[in-house]
């Protein structure tokens, strides 16, 4: 039997996509155009590491490359954005390409 162990309510709109890193981090995208990167251990630390807010409409899709250092996001704002980890710090994502 499945048992609920935790609930996160930091995004105030519908969550449209979720992605897990192999290392345990979680990415969520929502209707409020935000992408949130969550802590590895959400059971003990219910906080996020970073919010990415460069889209102007709801997030449709999030994809990580196999090295987990590039994130691709798409949105109803008709754009695809590529994000990379600066200085290999999982707490600092920067947008480096925007395709409209």
Protein backbone atom coordinates (compact mmCIF):
# COMPACT_ATOMS: atom_id res chain seq x y z
CA UNK A 1 0.00 0.00 0.00
CA UNK A 2 1.26 3.46 -0.90
CA UNK A 3 1.48 6.06 1.83
CA UNK A 4 1.78 9.84 1.37
CA UNK A 5 5.06 10.93 2.96
CA UNK A 6 5.19 14.59 1.95
CA UNK A 7 3.36 17.32 0.06
CA UNK A 8 4.91 20.45 -1.46
CA UNK A 9 2.80 23.59 -1.98
CA UNK A 10 5.31 26.24 -3.09
CA UNK A 11 3.87 26.72 -6.58
CA UNK A 12 0.53 28.50 -6.58
CA UNK A 13 -0.61 27.19 -9.98
CA UNK A 14 -1.08 23.81 -11.66
CA UNK A 15 2.13 21.77 -11.89
CA UNK A 16 2.52 20.71 -15.51
CA UNK A 17 5.81 18.76 -15.51
CA UNK A 18 8.25 17.05 -13.13
CA UNK A 19 11.78 15.75 -13.70
CA UNK A 20 14.18 13.95 -11.37
CA UNK A 21 17.95 14.15 -11.57
CA UNK A 22 19.90 10.92 -11.10
CA UNK A 23 21.50 12.63 -8.12
CA UNK A 24 18.11 13.15 -6.47
CA UNK A 25 17.16 16.76 -7.25
CA UNK A 26 13.67 17.53 -8.57
CA UNK A 27 12.56 20.09 -11.19
CA UNK A 28 8.95 21.22 -11.47
CA UNK A 29 7.28 23.47 -14.04
CA UNK A 30 3.88 25.10 -13.67
CA UNK A 31 1.15 27.29 -15.15
CA UNK A 32 2.64 30.39 -13.49
CA UNK A 33 5.67 30.19 -15.87
CA UNK A 34 8.07 29.15 -13.09
CA UNK A 35 10.57 26.33 -13.05
CA UNK A 36 11.61 25.35 -9.54
CA UNK A 37 14.61 23.23 -8.59
CA UNK A 38 14.05 21.42 -5.29
CA UNK A 39 16.45 20.09 -2.65
CA UNK A 40 17.66 16.48 -2.81
CA UNK A 41 16.24 15.54 0.57
CA UNK A 42 12.73 16.98 0.51
CA UNK A 43 11.65 14.96 3.52
CA UNK A 44 13.95 16.91 5.85
CA UNK A 45 14.24 20.16 3.86
CA UNK A 46 11.04 21.38 2.23
CA UNK A 47 12.64 24.24 0.34
CA UNK A 48 13.70 24.96 -3.19
CA UNK A 49 17.18 25.84 -4.44
CA UNK A 50 16.31 28.11 -7.34
CA UNK A 51 13.41 29.53 -9.36
CA UNK A 52 13.86 30.07 -13.10
CA UNK A 53 11.44 32.73 -14.32
CA UNK A 54 12.36 33.72 -17.89
CA UNK A 55 9.23 32.31 -19.55
CA UNK A 56 6.17 34.54 -19.88
CA UNK A 57 3.57 31.78 -20.00
CA UNK A 58 2.97 28.29 -18.59
CA UNK A 59 5.69 25.64 -18.78
CA UNK A 60 4.89 22.70 -21.04
CA UNK A 61 7.97 20.50 -20.89
CA UNK A 62 11.31 20.12 -19.09
CA UNK A 63 14.08 17.85 -20.37
CA UNK A 64 17.55 17.17 -18.91
CA UNK A 65 20.44 15.98 -21.05
CA UNK A 66 22.26 12.77 -20.05
CA UNK A 67 25.04 14.71 -18.25
CA UNK A 68 22.39 16.64 -16.30
CA UNK A 69 24.12 19.95 -16.97
CA UNK A 70 21.69 21.28 -19.61
CA UNK A 71 17.96 21.79 -19.10
CA UNK A 72 15.60 22.50 -22.01
CA UNK A 73 12.25 24.12 -21.27
CA UNK A 74 9.30 24.86 -23.53
CA UNK A 75 6.35 27.13 -22.87
CA UNK A 76 3.07 28.52 -24.19
CA UNK A 77 5.04 31.73 -24.82
CA UNK A 78 6.19 29.99 -28.06
CA UNK A 79 9.79 29.67 -26.89
CA UNK A 80 12.31 26.95 -26.13
CA UNK A 81 14.99 27.91 -23.63
CA UNK A 82 18.27 26.16 -22.90
CA UNK A 83 19.72 26.46 -19.40
CA UNK A 84 23.15 25.41 -18.20
CA UNK A 85 24.82 24.96 -14.84
CA UNK A 86 27.29 27.76 -14.30
CA UNK A 87 30.46 26.73 -12.51
CA UNK A 88 28.95 23.25 -12.04
CA UNK A 89 26.95 24.48 -9.06
CA UNK A 90 23.57 22.78 -8.91
CA UNK A 91 22.23 25.93 -7.23
CA UNK A 92 22.92 28.23 -10.20
CA UNK A 93 21.22 27.67 -13.56
CA UNK A 94 21.56 30.33 -16.28
CA UNK A 95 19.68 30.65 -19.54
CA UNK A 96 22.09 30.60 -22.47
CA UNK A 97 19.91 30.16 -25.57
CA UNK A 98 16.38 31.36 -26.27
CA UNK A 99 14.61 30.13 -29.43
CA UNK A 100 11.44 32.00 -30.41
